[in-house]
């Protein structure tokens, strides 16, 4: 569908992609990096208590990182598609539709510590094609919790771009 570009040896970047899910539970908060797993577990536990079932991959987006004297403080959002609409309270929000259009897309499989290189390639692609980034990178965890020993995660990355050329 979208335009493809081989920007690095192992990755293909495409444009004009969409990411769409219905009945999405969302959790966004500034969290110390050391507490991310605990906060995500609490979010998932809350969703299980509603009786709703997960109906798609875990999606995450990092909006910023602040260095503190103790640990990095991450402004992060987790999104989980569900099989039905639910009521949420406190830090959790229900979104009937999550729809990202006109996105630049790439699939990453490798050392999670090196995913920043993929983001950098995607940002270069945006600049080369005169596209304006309008969202952070949304990471869709394709093999979510199904890692075979020593296997790397597979992540689809979407970055929303302005449809207007500058």
Protein backbone atom coordinates (compact mmCIF):
# COMPACT_ATOMS: atom_id res chain seq x y z
CA UNK A 1 0.00 0.00 0.00
CA UNK A 2 2.44 2.63 1.18
CA UNK A 3 5.73 3.72 -0.28
CA UNK A 4 8.63 1.49 0.75
CA UNK A 5 12.22 2.50 1.38
CA UNK A 6 15.21 0.42 2.35
CA UNK A 7 16.86 2.81 4.83
CA UNK A 8 19.13 0.27 6.50
CA UNK A 9 20.38 -3.21 5.74
CA UNK A 10 17.67 -5.17 7.56
CA UNK A 11 14.69 -2.81 7.82
CA UNK A 12 12.01 -1.65 5.45
CA UNK A 13 10.13 1.55 6.18
CA UNK A 14 6.69 2.17 4.69
CA UNK A 15 4.44 5.21 4.67
CA UNK A 16 0.66 5.77 4.52
CA UNK A 17 -0.05 2.99 7.03
CA UNK A 18 -2.85 2.81 9.62
CA UNK A 19 -3.08 1.40 13.12
CA UNK A 20 -6.65 0.85 14.35
CA UNK A 21 -8.17 -0.94 17.31
CA UNK A 22 -11.58 -0.77 18.98
CA UNK A 23 -12.37 -1.03 22.72
CA UNK A 24 -8.95 0.04 23.95
CA UNK A 25 -7.99 0.41 27.61
CA UNK A 26 -5.31 3.05 28.12
CA UNK A 27 -2.96 3.90 30.96
CA UNK A 28 -0.65 6.93 30.76
CA UNK A 29 1.52 8.10 33.62
CA UNK A 30 4.96 9.35 34.55
CA UNK A 31 6.62 6.34 36.17
CA UNK A 32 10.11 5.64 37.44
CA UNK A 33 11.74 3.19 35.05
CA UNK A 34 12.18 0.71 37.90
CA UNK A 35 8.37 0.66 38.48
CA UNK A 36 7.16 0.19 34.88
CA UNK A 37 6.65 -3.59 35.15
CA UNK A 38 4.75 -3.26 38.44
CA UNK A 39 2.47 -0.50 37.06
CA UNK A 40 1.79 -2.53 33.90
CA UNK A 41 0.99 -5.62 35.99
CA UNK A 42 -1.44 -3.57 38.11
CA UNK A 43 -3.11 -2.26 34.91
CA UNK A 44 -3.50 -5.78 33.48
CA UNK A 45 -4.84 -7.05 36.81
CA UNK A 46 -7.45 -4.27 36.86
CA UNK A 47 -8.54 -5.20 33.33
CA UNK A 48 -8.86 -8.89 34.24
CA UNK A 49 -11.13 -7.95 37.15
CA UNK A 50 -13.61 -6.43 34.67
CA UNK A 51 -14.00 -9.79 32.93
CA UNK A 52 -12.92 -8.32 29.59
CA UNK A 53 -10.49 -10.33 27.48
CA UNK A 54 -7.41 -9.00 25.71
CA UNK A 55 -8.21 -8.76 21.99
CA UNK A 56 -4.95 -7.64 20.42
CA UNK A 57 -1.33 -6.84 21.14
CA UNK A 58 0.07 -4.64 23.90
CA UNK A 59 0.84 -1.18 22.51
CA UNK A 60 3.16 1.29 24.19
CA UNK A 61 4.31 4.84 23.55
CA UNK A 62 6.97 6.85 25.36
CA UNK A 63 6.29 10.59 25.43
CA UNK A 64 9.41 11.61 27.30
CA UNK A 65 12.11 10.67 29.78
CA UNK A 66 13.29 12.90 32.62
CA UNK A 67 16.54 12.22 34.42
CA UNK A 68 16.15 12.45 38.20
CA UNK A 69 18.72 11.95 40.92
CA UNK A 70 17.35 8.45 41.57
CA UNK A 71 16.01 6.85 38.38
CA UNK A 72 14.75 7.94 34.97
CA UNK A 73 11.11 9.10 35.08
CA UNK A 74 9.27 7.91 31.96
CA UNK A 75 6.07 9.46 30.57
CA UNK A 76 4.61 6.30 29.07
CA UNK A 77 1.28 5.06 27.78
CA UNK A 78 0.12 1.46 27.51
CA UNK A 79 -2.87 0.53 25.35
CA UNK A 80 -4.59 -2.85 25.37
CA UNK A 81 -7.38 -3.76 22.92
CA UNK A 82 -10.27 -5.58 24.61
CA UNK A 83 -13.13 -7.77 23.43
CA UNK A 84 -15.76 -5.30 24.65
CA UNK A 85 -16.39 -1.88 26.14
CA UNK A 86 -15.76 -1.50 29.89
CA UNK A 87 -15.93 1.18 32.57
CA UNK A 88 -12.58 2.32 33.95
CA UNK A 89 -11.63 4.65 36.77
CA UNK A 90 -8.58 6.26 38.36
CA UNK A 91 -5.54 6.33 36.06
CA UNK A 92 -7.19 4.20 33.37
CA UNK A 93 -9.14 5.44 30.36
CA UNK A 94 -11.40 3.57 27.93
CA UNK A 95 -11.12 4.59 24.28
CA UNK A 96 -13.86 3.27 21.96
CA UNK A 97 -11.49 3.68 19.00
CA UNK A 98 -7.74 4.16 18.71
CA UNK A 99 -6.95 5.11 15.12
CA UNK A 100 -3.61 6.37 13.84
CA UNK A 101 -3.63 7.29 10.14
CA UNK A 102 -0.95 8.27 7.66
CA UNK A 103 1.76 6.63 9.71
CA UNK A 104 5.30 5.69 8.85
CA UNK A 105 5.78 2.01 9.72
CA UNK A 106 8.61 -0.45 10.28
CA UNK A 107 9.02 -3.82 11.96
CA UNK A 108 11.87 -4.29 14.43
CA UNK A 109 13.22 -7.58 15.74
CA UNK A 110 16.40 -7.47 17.73
CA UNK A 111 18.00 -6.36 20.94
CA UNK A 112 15.48 -4.06 22.67
CA UNK A 113 18.37 -1.85 23.79
CA UNK A 114 19.05 -1.02 20.12
CA UNK A 115 15.50 -0.12 19.02
CA UNK A 116 16.49 3.57 19.15
CA UNK A 117 18.49 2.97 15.94
CA UNK A 118 15.24 1.98 14.20
CA UNK A 119 13.50 5.11 15.48
CA UNK A 120 16.39 7.19 14.14
CA UNK A 121 16.05 5.58 10.69
CA UNK A 122 12.32 6.31 10.69
CA UNK A 123 12.93 9.96 11.63
CA UNK A 124 15.44 10.22 8.75
CA UNK A 125 12.78 8.75 6.43
CA UNK A 126 10.29 11.41 7.57
CA UNK A 127 12.78 14.19 6.85
CA UNK A 128 13.86 12.80 3.46
CA UNK A 129 10.21 12.54 2.34
CA UNK A 130 9.22 15.98 3.75
CA UNK A 131 6.77 14.47 6.23
CA UNK A 132 6.08 16.14 9.56
CA UNK A 133 6.04 13.87 12.62
CA UNK A 134 2.86 14.49 14.62
CA UNK A 135 2.93 11.58 17.11
CA UNK A 136 5.46 9.70 19.15
CA UNK A 137 6.35 6.16 18.12
CA UNK A 138 3.69 3.60 18.97
CA UNK A 139 5.19 0.16 19.58
CA UNK A 140 2.94 -2.81 18.86
CA UNK A 141 4.32 -5.94 20.52
CA UNK A 142 3.71 -8.67 17.97
CA UNK A 143 4.98 -11.65 19.97
CA UNK A 144 3.67 -10.27 23.27
CA UNK A 145 4.58 -12.68 26.02
CA UNK A 146 5.33 -15.53 23.58
CA UNK A 147 9.09 -15.26 23.50
CA UNK A 148 10.99 -18.45 23.00
CA UNK A 149 14.14 -18.63 25.12
CA UNK A 150 16.80 -16.28 23.65
CA UNK A 151 14.40 -14.96 21.01
CA UNK A 152 14.05 -11.22 20.52
CA UNK A 153 10.73 -9.41 20.64
CA UNK A 154 9.07 -8.40 17.39
CA UNK A 155 7.76 -4.84 17.45
CA UNK A 156 5.81 -2.99 14.78
CA UNK A 157 6.56 0.73 15.06
CA UNK A 158 4.15 3.42 13.85
CA UNK A 159 4.85 7.16 13.81
CA UNK A 160 2.00 9.45 12.75
CA UNK A 161 2.88 11.99 10.07
CA UNK A 162 1.08 15.08 8.84
CA UNK A 163 -0.46 14.37 5.44
CA UNK A 164 0.62 17.82 4.22
CA UNK A 165 4.01 18.31 2.63
CA UNK A 166 6.01 21.25 3.94
